[in-house]
PDB file of N, CA and C in Angstrom:
ATOM      1  N   MET A   1      -3.283  24.946  84.026  1.00  0.00           N
ATOM      2  CA  MET A   1      -2.557  23.833  83.643  1.00  0.00           C
ATOM      3  C   MET A   1      -1.109  23.718  84.083  1.00  0.00           C
ATOM      4  N   ALA A   2      -0.466  22.763  84.482  1.00  0.00           N
ATOM      5  CA  ALA A   2       0.958  22.447  84.545  1.00  0.00           C
ATOM      6  C   ALA A   2       1.590  22.431  83.345  1.00  0.00           C
ATOM      7  N   ILE A   3       2.810  23.152  83.578  1.00  0.00           N
ATOM      8  CA  ILE A   3       3.736  22.764  82.309  1.00  0.00           C
ATOM      9  C   ILE A   3       3.934  21.447  81.859  1.00  0.00           C
ATOM     10  N   ASN A   4       4.064  20.405  82.710  1.00  0.00           N
ATOM     11  CA  ASN A   4       4.237  19.079  82.381  1.00  0.00           C
ATOM     12  C   ASN A   4       3.036  18.530  81.575  1.00  0.00           C
ATOM     13  N   ASN A   5       1.852  19.209  82.112  1.00  0.00           N
ATOM     14  CA  ASN A   5       0.614  19.017  80.886  1.00  0.00           C
ATOM     15  C   ASN A   5       0.826  19.275  79.554  1.00  0.00           C
ATOM     16  N   TYR A   6       1.432  20.815  79.608  1.00  0.00           N
ATOM     17  CA  TYR A   6       1.467  21.551  78.162  1.00  0.00           C
ATOM     18  C   TYR A   6       2.477  20.598  77.514  1.00  0.00           C
ATOM     19  N   THR A   7       3.523  20.355  78.036  1.00  0.00           N
ATOM     20  CA  THR A   7       4.735  19.532  77.311  1.00  0.00           C
ATOM     21  C   THR A   7       4.291  18.276  76.503  1.00  0.00           C
ATOM     22  N   GLU A   8       3.240  17.488  77.482  1.00  0.00           N
ATOM     23  CA  GLU A   8       2.588  16.333  76.641  1.00  0.00           C
ATOM     24  C   GLU A   8       1.727  16.662  75.730  1.00  0.00           C
ATOM     25  N   ILE A   9       0.830  17.712  75.777  1.00  0.00           N
ATOM     26  CA  ILE A   9       0.012  18.220  74.788  1.00  0.00           C
ATOM     27  C   ILE A   9       0.729  18.297  73.337  1.00  0.00           C
ATOM     28  N   ILE A  10       1.865  19.332  73.622  1.00  0.00           N
ATOM     29  CA  ILE A  10       2.554  19.869  72.614  1.00  0.00           C
ATOM     30  C   ILE A  10       3.172  18.448  71.803  1.00  0.00           C
ATOM     31  N   GLN A  11       3.654  17.632  72.572  1.00  0.00           N
ATOM     32  CA  GLN A  11       4.317  16.493  71.769  1.00  0.00           C
ATOM     33  C   GLN A  11       3.132  15.593  70.983  1.00  0.00           C
ATOM     34  N   THR A  12       2.168  15.662  71.451  1.00  0.00           N
ATOM     35  CA  THR A  12       0.902  15.001  70.682  1.00  0.00           C
ATOM     36  C   THR A  12       0.893  15.731  69.732  1.00  0.00           C
ATOM     37  N   VAL A  13       0.612  17.092  69.452  1.00  0.00           N
ATOM     38  CA  VAL A  13       0.425  17.787  68.307  1.00  0.00           C
ATOM     39  C   VAL A  13       1.586  17.614  67.493  1.00  0.00           C
ATOM     40  N   ILE A  14       2.751  17.741  67.966  1.00  0.00           N
ATOM     41  CA  ILE A  14       4.202  17.609  67.054  1.00  0.00           C
ATOM     42  C   ILE A  14       3.848  16.333  66.491  1.00  0.00           C
ATOM     43  N   ARG A  15       3.787  15.005  67.078  1.00  0.00           N
ATOM     44  CA  ARG A  15       3.695  13.834  66.694  1.00  0.00           C
ATOM     45  C   ARG A  15       2.502  13.408  65.551  1.00  0.00           C
ATOM     46  N   GLU A  16       1.195  14.236  65.909  1.00  0.00           N
ATOM     47  CA  GLU A  16       0.236  14.219  65.032  1.00  0.00           C
ATOM     48  C   GLU A  16       0.666  14.547  63.368  1.00  0.00           C
ATOM     49  N   GLN A  17       1.237  15.856  63.499  1.00  0.00           N
ATOM     50  CA  GLN A  17       1.695  16.459  62.299  1.00  0.00           C
ATOM     51  C   GLN A  17       2.625  15.650  61.715  1.00  0.00           C
ATOM     52  N   ALA A  18       3.838  15.283  62.290  1.00  0.00           N
ATOM     53  CA  ALA A  18       4.934  14.435  61.775  1.00  0.00           C
ATOM     54  C   ALA A  18       4.264  13.342  60.993  1.00  0.00           C
ATOM     55  N   GLU A  19       3.502  12.794  61.443  1.00  0.00           N
ATOM     56  CA  GLU A  19       2.733  11.536  60.876  1.00  0.00           C
ATOM     57  C   GLU A  19       1.812  12.175  59.539  1.00  0.00           C
ATOM     58  N   LEU A  20       1.395  13.154  59.816  1.00  0.00           N
ATOM     59  CA  LEU A  20       0.920  13.824  58.559  1.00  0.00           C
ATOM     60  C   LEU A  20       1.510  14.020  57.187  1.00  0.00           C
ATOM     61  N   HIS A  21       2.877  14.665  57.634  1.00  0.00           N
ATOM     62  CA  HIS A  21       3.869  14.877  56.683  1.00  0.00           C
ATOM     63  C   HIS A  21       4.925  14.045  56.438  1.00  0.00           C
ATOM     64  N   GLN A  22       4.871  12.765  57.254  1.00  0.00           N
ATOM     65  CA  GLN A  22       6.052  11.756  57.090  1.00  0.00           C
ATOM     66  C   GLN A  22       5.945  11.233  55.371  1.00  0.00           C
ATOM     67  N   SER A  23       4.876  11.363  54.644  1.00  0.00           N
ATOM     68  CA  SER A  23       4.652  10.553  53.393  1.00  0.00           C
ATOM     69  C   SER A  23       5.255  11.608  52.370  1.00  0.00           C
ATOM     70  N   GLY A  24       5.725  12.717  52.976  1.00  0.00           N
ATOM     71  CA  GLY A  24       6.265  13.583  51.490  1.00  0.00           C
ATOM     72  C   GLY A  24       7.843  13.242  51.344  1.00  0.00           C
ATOM     73  N   TYR A  25       8.120  13.921  50.340  1.00  0.00           N
ATOM     74  CA  TYR A  25       9.514  13.751  49.678  1.00  0.00           C
ATOM     75  C   TYR A  25      10.565  14.241  50.663  1.00  0.00           C
ATOM     76  N   VAL A  26      10.383  15.037  51.346  1.00  0.00           N
ATOM     77  CA  VAL A  26      11.633  15.448  52.201  1.00  0.00           C
ATOM     78  C   VAL A  26      11.635  14.852  53.624  1.00  0.00           C
ATOM     79  N   PRO A  27      12.610  14.335  54.102  1.00  0.00           N
ATOM     80  CA  PRO A  27      12.618  13.739  55.556  1.00  0.00           C
ATOM     81  C   PRO A  27      12.108  14.607  56.626  1.00  0.00           C
ATOM     82  N   ILE A  28      11.356  14.255  57.605  1.00  0.00           N
ATOM     83  CA  ILE A  28      10.893  14.904  58.791  1.00  0.00           C
ATOM     84  C   ILE A  28      12.074  14.616  60.078  1.00  0.00           C
ATOM     85  N   GLU A  29      12.168  15.858  60.673  1.00  0.00           N
ATOM     86  CA  GLU A  29      12.842  15.796  61.978  1.00  0.00           C
ATOM     87  C   GLU A  29      11.759  16.092  63.169  1.00  0.00           C
ATOM     88  N   THR A  30      11.602  15.615  64.043  1.00  0.00           N
ATOM     89  CA  THR A  30      11.015  15.873  65.386  1.00  0.00           C
ATOM     90  C   THR A  30      11.987  16.633  66.281  1.00  0.00           C
ATOM     91  N   ILE A  31      11.965  17.664  66.820  1.00  0.00           N
ATOM     92  CA  ILE A  31      12.879  17.909  68.064  1.00  0.00           C
ATOM     93  C   ILE A  31      11.984  18.208  69.039  1.00  0.00           C
ATOM     94  N   LEU A  32      12.256  17.701  70.106  1.00  0.00           N
ATOM     95  CA  LEU A  32      11.545  17.810  71.531  1.00  0.00           C
ATOM     96  C   LEU A  32      12.389  18.257  72.449  1.00  0.00           C
ATOM     97  N   ASP A  33      12.610  19.489  72.823  1.00  0.00           N
ATOM     98  CA  ASP A  33      13.579  19.972  73.757  1.00  0.00           C
ATOM     99  C   ASP A  33      12.757  20.226  75.019  1.00  0.00           C
ATOM    100  N   ILE A  34      12.434  19.033  75.761  1.00  0.00           N
ATOM    101  CA  ILE A  34      11.609  19.214  76.882  1.00  0.00           C
ATOM    102  C   ILE A  34      12.525  20.007  78.167  1.00  0.00           C
ATOM    103  N   GLU A  35      13.757  20.039  78.259  1.00  0.00           N
ATOM    104  CA  GLU A  35      14.367  20.900  79.481  1.00  0.00           C
ATOM    105  C   GLU A  35      14.075  22.346  79.008  1.00  0.00           C
ATOM    106  N   ARG A  36      14.277  22.574  77.885  1.00  0.00           N
ATOM    107  CA  ARG A  36      14.040  24.269  77.566  1.00  0.00           C
ATOM    108  C   ARG A  36      12.667  24.579  76.876  1.00  0.00           C
ATOM    109  N   HIS A  37      11.979  23.677  76.674  1.00  0.00           N
ATOM    110  CA  HIS A  37      10.696  23.748  76.270  1.00  0.00           C
ATOM    111  C   HIS A  37      10.366  24.348  74.893  1.00  0.00           C
ATOM    112  N   HIS A  38      11.416  23.880  73.948  1.00  0.00           N
ATOM    113  CA  HIS A  38      11.151  24.176  72.494  1.00  0.00           C
ATOM    114  C   HIS A  38      10.748  22.934  71.895  1.00  0.00           C
ATOM    115  N   TYR A  39       9.965  22.933  70.690  1.00  0.00           N
ATOM    116  CA  TYR A  39       9.167  21.789  69.965  1.00  0.00           C
ATOM    117  C   TYR A  39       9.173  22.104  68.496  1.00  0.00           C
ATOM    118  N   LEU A  40       9.901  21.389  67.664  1.00  0.00           N
ATOM    119  CA  LEU A  40       9.712  21.722  66.343  1.00  0.00           C
ATOM    120  C   LEU A  40       9.619  20.442  65.562  1.00  0.00           C
ATOM    121  N   LEU A  41       8.976  20.933  64.556  1.00  0.00           N
ATOM    122  CA  LEU A  41       8.930  19.973  63.249  1.00  0.00           C
ATOM    123  C   LEU A  41       9.497  20.256  62.142  1.00  0.00           C
ATOM    124  N   LEU A  42      10.616  19.842  61.544  1.00  0.00           N
ATOM    125  CA  LEU A  42      11.326  20.343  60.555  1.00  0.00           C
ATOM    126  C   LEU A  42      11.485  19.722  59.320  1.00  0.00           C
ATOM    127  N   GLN A  43      11.381  20.237  58.073  1.00  0.00           N
ATOM    128  CA  GLN A  43      11.801  19.277  56.808  1.00  0.00           C
ATOM    129  C   GLN A  43      13.391  19.353  56.661  1.00  0.00           C
ATOM    130  N   VAL A  44      14.171  18.410  56.567  1.00  0.00           N
ATOM    131  CA  VAL A  44      15.460  18.691  56.386  1.00  0.00           C
ATOM    132  C   VAL A  44      16.000  17.559  55.358  1.00  0.00           C
ATOM    133  N   GLY A  45      16.535  17.772  54.267  1.00  0.00           N
ATOM    134  CA  GLY A  45      16.895  16.889  53.265  1.00  0.00           C
ATOM    135  C   GLY A  45      16.870  17.324  51.897  1.00  0.00           C
ATOM    136  N   TRP A  46      17.366  16.528  51.072  1.00  0.00           N
ATOM    137  CA  TRP A  46      17.375  16.651  49.436  1.00  0.00           C
ATOM    138  C   TRP A  46      16.167  16.120  48.726  1.00  0.00           C
ATOM    139  N   VAL A  47      15.672  16.891  47.604  1.00  0.00           N
ATOM    140  CA  VAL A  47      14.810  16.457  46.852  1.00  0.00           C
ATOM    141  C   VAL A  47      15.302  16.576  45.352  1.00  0.00           C
ATOM    142  N   LYS A  48      15.714  15.603  44.758  1.00  0.00           N
ATOM    143  CA  LYS A  48      16.608  15.624  43.485  1.00  0.00           C
ATOM    144  C   LYS A  48      17.957  16.350  43.931  1.00  0.00           C
ATOM    145  N   ASP A  49      18.211  17.429  43.403  1.00  0.00           N
ATOM    146  CA  ASP A  49      19.203  18.447  43.427  1.00  0.00           C
ATOM    147  C   ASP A  49      19.088  19.501  44.235  1.00  0.00           C
ATOM    148  N   HIS A  50      17.879  19.555  44.961  1.00  0.00           N
ATOM    149  CA  HIS A  50      17.615  20.807  45.561  1.00  0.00           C
ATOM    150  C   HIS A  50      17.458  20.539  47.281  1.00  0.00           C
ATOM    151  N   TRP A  51      18.211  21.437  47.953  1.00  0.00           N
ATOM    152  CA  TRP A  51      18.255  21.146  49.342  1.00  0.00           C
ATOM    153  C   TRP A  51      17.111  21.640  49.942  1.00  0.00           C
ATOM    154  N   VAL A  52      16.394  21.122  50.724  1.00  0.00           N
ATOM    155  CA  VAL A  52      14.910  21.803  51.516  1.00  0.00           C
ATOM    156  C   VAL A  52      15.283  21.653  52.955  1.00  0.00           C
ATOM    157  N   TYR A  53      15.127  23.043  53.515  1.00  0.00           N
ATOM    158  CA  TYR A  53      15.319  22.979  55.097  1.00  0.00           C
ATOM    159  C   TYR A  53      13.872  23.948  55.422  1.00  0.00           C
ATOM    160  N   GLY A  54      13.386  23.499  56.245  1.00  0.00           N
ATOM    161  CA  GLY A  54      12.230  24.601  56.635  1.00  0.00           C
ATOM    162  C   GLY A  54      11.304  24.170  57.949  1.00  0.00           C
ATOM    163  N   SER A  55      11.009  24.935  58.707  1.00  0.00           N
ATOM    164  CA  SER A  55      10.356  24.585  59.916  1.00  0.00           C
ATOM    165  C   SER A  55       8.676  24.570  59.493  1.00  0.00           C
ATOM    166  N   ILE A  56       8.227  23.346  59.750  1.00  0.00           N
ATOM    167  CA  ILE A  56       6.759  22.992  59.761  1.00  0.00           C
ATOM    168  C   ILE A  56       6.018  23.719  60.735  1.00  0.00           C
ATOM    169  N   LEU A  57       6.617  23.492  62.192  1.00  0.00           N
ATOM    170  CA  LEU A  57       5.746  23.991  63.162  1.00  0.00           C
ATOM    171  C   LEU A  57       6.694  23.917  64.109  1.00  0.00           C
ATOM    172  N   HIS A  58       6.543  25.096  65.019  1.00  0.00           N
ATOM    173  CA  HIS A  58       7.484  25.430  66.107  1.00  0.00           C
ATOM    174  C   HIS A  58       6.675  26.119  67.266  1.00  0.00           C
ATOM    175  N   LEU A  59       6.808  25.381  68.355  1.00  0.00           N
ATOM    176  CA  LEU A  59       5.988  25.539  69.614  1.00  0.00           C
ATOM    177  C   LEU A  59       7.230  25.921  70.662  1.00  0.00           C
ATOM    178  N   ASP A  60       6.753  26.869  71.580  1.00  0.00           N
ATOM    179  CA  ASP A  60       7.758  27.040  72.912  1.00  0.00           C
ATOM    180  C   ASP A  60       6.565  27.184  73.979  1.00  0.00           C
ATOM    181  N   ILE A  61       7.297  26.864  75.164  1.00  0.00           N
ATOM    182  CA  ILE A  61       6.474  27.146  76.476  1.00  0.00           C
ATOM    183  C   ILE A  61       7.600  28.229  77.101  1.00  0.00           C
ATOM    184  N   ILE A  62       6.907  29.443  77.172  1.00  0.00           N
ATOM    185  CA  ILE A  62       7.400  30.859  77.945  1.00  0.00           C
ATOM    186  C   ILE A  62       6.508  31.202  78.974  1.00  0.00           C
ATOM    187  N   ASP A  63       7.251  31.351  80.008  1.00  0.00           N
ATOM    188  CA  ASP A  63       6.338  31.972  81.209  1.00  0.00           C
ATOM    189  C   ASP A  63       4.955  31.238  81.454  1.00  0.00           C
ATOM    190  N   GLY A  64       4.981  29.652  81.189  1.00  0.00           N
ATOM    191  CA  GLY A  64       3.815  28.967  81.496  1.00  0.00           C
ATOM    192  C   GLY A  64       2.589  29.077  80.419  1.00  0.00           C
ATOM    193  N   LYS A  65       3.058  29.824  79.129  1.00  0.00           N
ATOM    194  CA  LYS A  65       2.214  29.701  78.260  1.00  0.00           C
ATOM    195  C   LYS A  65       2.839  29.240  76.953  1.00  0.00           C
ATOM    196  N   ILE A  66       1.968  28.555  76.076  1.00  0.00           N
ATOM    197  CA  ILE A  66       2.382  27.931  74.705  1.00  0.00           C
ATOM    198  C   ILE A  66       2.325  29.103  73.747  1.00  0.00           C
ATOM    199  N   TYR A  67       3.455  29.320  73.123  1.00  0.00           N
ATOM    200  CA  TYR A  67       3.780  30.121  71.990  1.00  0.00           C
ATOM    201  C   TYR A  67       3.956  29.583  70.771  1.00  0.00           C
ATOM    202  N   ILE A  68       3.046  29.807  69.784  1.00  0.00           N
ATOM    203  CA  ILE A  68       3.000  29.130  68.314  1.00  0.00           C
ATOM    204  C   ILE A  68       3.853  30.018  67.775  1.00  0.00           C
ATOM    205  N   GLN A  69       5.180  29.649  67.610  1.00  0.00           N
ATOM    206  CA  GLN A  69       6.068  30.721  66.775  1.00  0.00           C
ATOM    207  C   GLN A  69       6.128  30.498  65.120  1.00  0.00           C
ATOM    208  N   GLN A  70       5.619  29.164  64.654  1.00  0.00           N
ATOM    209  CA  GLN A  70       5.584  29.000  63.551  1.00  0.00           C
ATOM    210  C   GLN A  70       4.500  27.879  63.183  1.00  0.00           C
ATOM    211  N   ASN A  71       3.768  28.141  61.996  1.00  0.00           N
ATOM    212  CA  ASN A  71       2.606  27.096  61.869  1.00  0.00           C
ATOM    213  C   ASN A  71       2.594  26.976  60.365  1.00  0.00           C
ATOM    214  N   ASN A  72       3.364  25.998  59.736  1.00  0.00           N
ATOM    215  CA  ASN A  72       3.112  26.023  58.406  1.00  0.00           C
ATOM    216  C   ASN A  72       2.301  24.490  57.999  1.00  0.00           C
ATOM    217  N   THR A  73       1.400  24.297  58.964  1.00  0.00           N
ATOM    218  CA  THR A  73       0.444  23.179  58.522  1.00  0.00           C
ATOM    219  C   THR A  73      -0.964  23.661  57.920  1.00  0.00           C
ATOM    220  N   GLU A  74      -1.666  22.675  57.875  1.00  0.00           N
ATOM    221  CA  GLU A  74      -2.933  23.138  57.210  1.00  0.00           C
ATOM    222  C   GLU A  74      -4.030  23.217  58.155  1.00  0.00           C
ATOM    223  N   GLN A  75      -3.348  22.873  59.481  1.00  0.00           N
ATOM    224  CA  GLN A  75      -4.422  22.711  60.671  1.00  0.00           C
ATOM    225  C   GLN A  75      -4.171  24.187  61.544  1.00  0.00           C
ATOM    226  N   VAL A  76      -5.181  24.539  62.203  1.00  0.00           N
ATOM    227  CA  VAL A  76      -5.146  25.693  63.245  1.00  0.00           C
ATOM    228  C   VAL A  76      -4.631  25.122  64.534  1.00  0.00           C
ATOM    229  N   ILE A  77      -3.647  25.277  64.618  1.00  0.00           N
ATOM    230  CA  ILE A  77      -2.860  24.466  65.820  1.00  0.00           C
ATOM    231  C   ILE A  77      -3.440  24.939  67.262  1.00  0.00           C
ATOM    232  N   ALA A  78      -3.609  26.505  67.159  1.00  0.00           N
ATOM    233  CA  ALA A  78      -4.237  26.929  68.486  1.00  0.00           C
ATOM    234  C   ALA A  78      -5.656  26.390  68.529  1.00  0.00           C
ATOM    235  N   GLN A  79      -6.104  26.087  67.667  1.00  0.00           N
ATOM    236  CA  GLN A  79      -7.676  25.384  67.821  1.00  0.00           C
ATOM    237  C   GLN A  79      -7.377  23.940  68.259  1.00  0.00           C
ATOM    238  N   ARG A  80      -6.539  23.138  68.107  1.00  0.00           N
ATOM    239  CA  ARG A  80      -5.913  22.083  68.305  1.00  0.00           C
ATOM    240  C   ARG A  80      -5.659  21.942  69.790  1.00  0.00           C
ATOM    241  N   LEU A  81      -4.710  22.965  70.252  1.00  0.00           N
ATOM    242  CA  LEU A  81      -4.429  23.013  71.622  1.00  0.00           C
ATOM    243  C   LEU A  81      -5.665  23.213  72.466  1.00  0.00           C
ATOM    244  N   VAL A  82      -6.520  24.074  71.937  1.00  0.00           N
ATOM    245  CA  VAL A  82      -7.911  24.241  72.821  1.00  0.00           C
ATOM    246  C   VAL A  82      -8.604  22.871  73.025  1.00  0.00           C
ATOM    247  N   GLU A  83      -8.870  22.113  71.720  1.00  0.00           N
ATOM    248  CA  GLU A  83      -9.396  20.863  71.944  1.00  0.00           C
ATOM    249  C   GLU A  83      -8.572  19.988  72.931  1.00  0.00           C
ATOM    250  N   LEU A  84      -7.360  20.114  72.991  1.00  0.00           N
ATOM    251  CA  LEU A  84      -6.593  19.240  73.706  1.00  0.00           C
ATOM    252  C   LEU A  84      -6.913  19.543  75.422  1.00  0.00           C
ATOM    253  N   GLY A  85      -7.388  20.844  75.697  1.00  0.00           N
ATOM    254  CA  GLY A  85      -7.747  21.232  76.972  1.00  0.00           C
ATOM    255  C   GLY A  85      -6.663  22.449  77.461  1.00  0.00           C
ATOM    256  N   VAL A  86      -6.145  23.042  76.473  1.00  0.00           N
ATOM    257  CA  VAL A  86      -5.191  24.342  76.648  1.00  0.00           C
ATOM    258  C   VAL A  86      -6.126  25.774  76.697  1.00  0.00           C
ATOM    259  N   PRO A  87      -6.452  26.385  77.668  1.00  0.00           N
ATOM    260  CA  PRO A  87      -7.463  27.449  77.795  1.00  0.00           C
ATOM    261  C   PRO A  87      -6.681  28.610  76.676  1.00  0.00           C
ATOM    262  N   LYS A  88      -7.410  29.354  76.046  1.00  0.00           N
ATOM    263  CA  LYS A  88      -6.878  30.315  75.047  1.00  0.00           C
ATOM    264  C   LYS A  88      -6.143  31.357  75.602  1.00  0.00           C
ATOM    265  N   THR A  89      -6.298  31.325  76.912  1.00  0.00           N
ATOM    266  CA  THR A  89      -5.502  32.596  77.704  1.00  0.00           C
ATOM    267  C   THR A  89      -4.197  31.942  77.914  1.00  0.00           C
ATOM    268  N   ASP A  90      -3.927  30.899  77.577  1.00  0.00           N
ATOM    269  CA  ASP A  90      -2.505  30.141  77.604  1.00  0.00           C
ATOM    270  C   ASP A  90      -1.724  29.994  76.288  1.00  0.00           C
ATOM    271  N   ILE A  91      -2.334  30.456  75.279  1.00  0.00           N
ATOM    272  CA  ILE A  91      -1.877  30.482  73.855  1.00  0.00           C
ATOM    273  C   ILE A  91      -1.631  31.768  73.440  1.00  0.00           C
ATOM    274  N   VAL A  92      -0.301  32.007  72.844  1.00  0.00           N
ATOM    275  CA  VAL A  92       0.040  33.038  72.189  1.00  0.00           C
ATOM    276  C   VAL A  92       0.338  32.702  70.895  1.00  0.00           C
ATOM    277  N   ILE A  93      -0.227  33.646  69.832  1.00  0.00           N
ATOM    278  CA  ILE A  93       0.149  33.390  68.613  1.00  0.00           C
ATOM    279  C   ILE A  93       1.522  34.273  68.408  1.00  0.00           C
ATOM    280  N   GLY A  94       2.518  33.509  68.597  1.00  0.00           N
ATOM    281  CA  GLY A  94       3.761  34.231  68.406  1.00  0.00           C
ATOM    282  C   GLY A  94       4.289  34.908  67.220  1.00  0.00           C
ATOM    283  N   PHE A  95       3.737  34.463  66.179  1.00  0.00           N
ATOM    284  CA  PHE A  95       4.114  34.791  65.027  1.00  0.00           C
ATOM    285  C   PHE A  95       3.360  36.183  64.400  1.00  0.00           C
ATOM    286  N   HIS A  96       2.184  36.439  65.186  1.00  0.00           N
ATOM    287  CA  HIS A  96       1.627  37.575  65.100  1.00  0.00           C
ATOM    288  C   HIS A  96       2.258  38.906  65.856  1.00  0.00           C
ATOM    289  N   SER A  97       2.336  40.018  65.509  1.00  0.00           N
ATOM    290  CA  SER A  97       2.788  41.281  66.201  1.00  0.00           C
ATOM    291  C   SER A  97       2.126  41.301  67.385  1.00  0.00           C
ATOM    292  N   PRO A  98       2.660  41.960  68.329  1.00  0.00           N
ATOM    293  CA  PRO A  98       1.781  42.331  69.930  1.00  0.00           C
ATOM    294  C   PRO A  98       0.751  43.051  69.591  1.00  0.00           C
ATOM    295  N   PHE A  99       0.786  44.037  68.652  1.00  0.00           N
ATOM    296  CA  PHE A  99      -0.375  44.942  68.291  1.00  0.00           C
ATOM    297  C   PHE A  99      -1.506  43.819  67.693  1.00  0.00           C
ATOM    298  N   LYS A 100      -1.164  43.072  66.792  1.00  0.00           N
ATOM    299  CA  LYS A 100      -2.137  42.227  66.093  1.00  0.00           C
ATOM    300  C   LYS A 100      -2.955  41.294  66.937  1.00  0.00           C
ATOM    301  N   ARG A 101      -2.310  40.887  68.025  1.00  0.00           N
ATOM    302  CA  ARG A 101      -2.790  39.880  69.018  1.00  0.00           C
ATOM    303  C   ARG A 101      -3.857  40.217  69.735  1.00  0.00           C
ATOM    304  N   GLN A 102      -4.057  41.622  69.742  1.00  0.00           N
ATOM    305  CA  GLN A 102      -5.326  41.886  70.538  1.00  0.00           C
ATOM    306  C   GLN A 102      -6.635  41.814  69.894  1.00  0.00           C
ATOM    307  N   PHE A 103      -6.432  41.374  68.717  1.00  0.00           N
ATOM    308  CA  PHE A 103      -7.552  41.088  67.751  1.00  0.00           C
ATOM    309  C   PHE A 103      -7.948  39.716  67.732  1.00  0.00           C
ATOM    310  N   THR A 104      -7.229  38.968  68.320  1.00  0.00           N
ATOM    311  CA  THR A 104      -7.509  37.393  68.266  1.00  0.00           C
ATOM    312  C   THR A 104      -8.208  36.971  69.703  1.00  0.00           C
ATOM    313  N   ASP A 105      -8.746  35.774  69.734  1.00  0.00           N
ATOM    314  CA  ASP A 105      -9.328  35.333  71.204  1.00  0.00           C
ATOM    315  C   ASP A 105      -8.120  34.525  72.055  1.00  0.00           C
ATOM    316  N   TYR A 106      -6.840  35.004  71.785  1.00  0.00           N
ATOM    317  CA  TYR A 106      -5.865  34.352  72.638  1.00  0.00           C
ATOM    318  C   TYR A 106      -5.127  35.326  73.126  1.00  0.00           C
ATOM    319  N   ALA A 107      -3.964  34.876  73.938  1.00  0.00           N
ATOM    320  CA  ALA A 107      -3.421  35.689  75.083  1.00  0.00           C
ATOM    321  C   ALA A 107      -2.527  36.590  74.321  1.00  0.00           C
ATOM    322  N   LEU A 108      -1.951  37.808  74.883  1.00  0.00           N
ATOM    323  CA  LEU A 108      -1.402  38.724  74.296  1.00  0.00           C
ATOM    324  C   LEU A 108       0.108  38.386  74.356  1.00  0.00           C
ATOM    325  N   SER A 109       0.354  37.945  75.430  1.00  0.00           N
ATOM    326  CA  SER A 109       1.674  37.534  75.971  1.00  0.00           C
ATOM    327  C   SER A 109       1.822  36.526  76.871  1.00  0.00           C
TER     328      SER A 109
END
C-alpha cells in the first residue's frame, strides 16, 4: 500500500479517537505532520489548578510502515489499522522492545 494511503488511514484513526476524547475535561490537540509522517493526539491544558499534558496516540510512518509509538486509548489501534486495510506486515508496535515484537502478529521493524 502507498504511503499516501497510510497517511489517510492514520488521519482517520486520529480523528476517530479525537472525537471520542473530545468530551473530556482536558482540551485535545490533533497534530498531523504529513510532510514528516508524524501523527499525534495530545491532551494539553488545565484541569482546575492541575496542568495536564500527555500523549493519547502517536503514530509515525517509518520506511513505509506504520509505527504505533504510543497508544493510551481503549482501542487496539493495530487491529483498527488492519480493519482499514493495512496488512499486519506493515504495522510495528513501536512501544514494544524489538525482542518482544517477535511474539506478536505484526512486523518486527
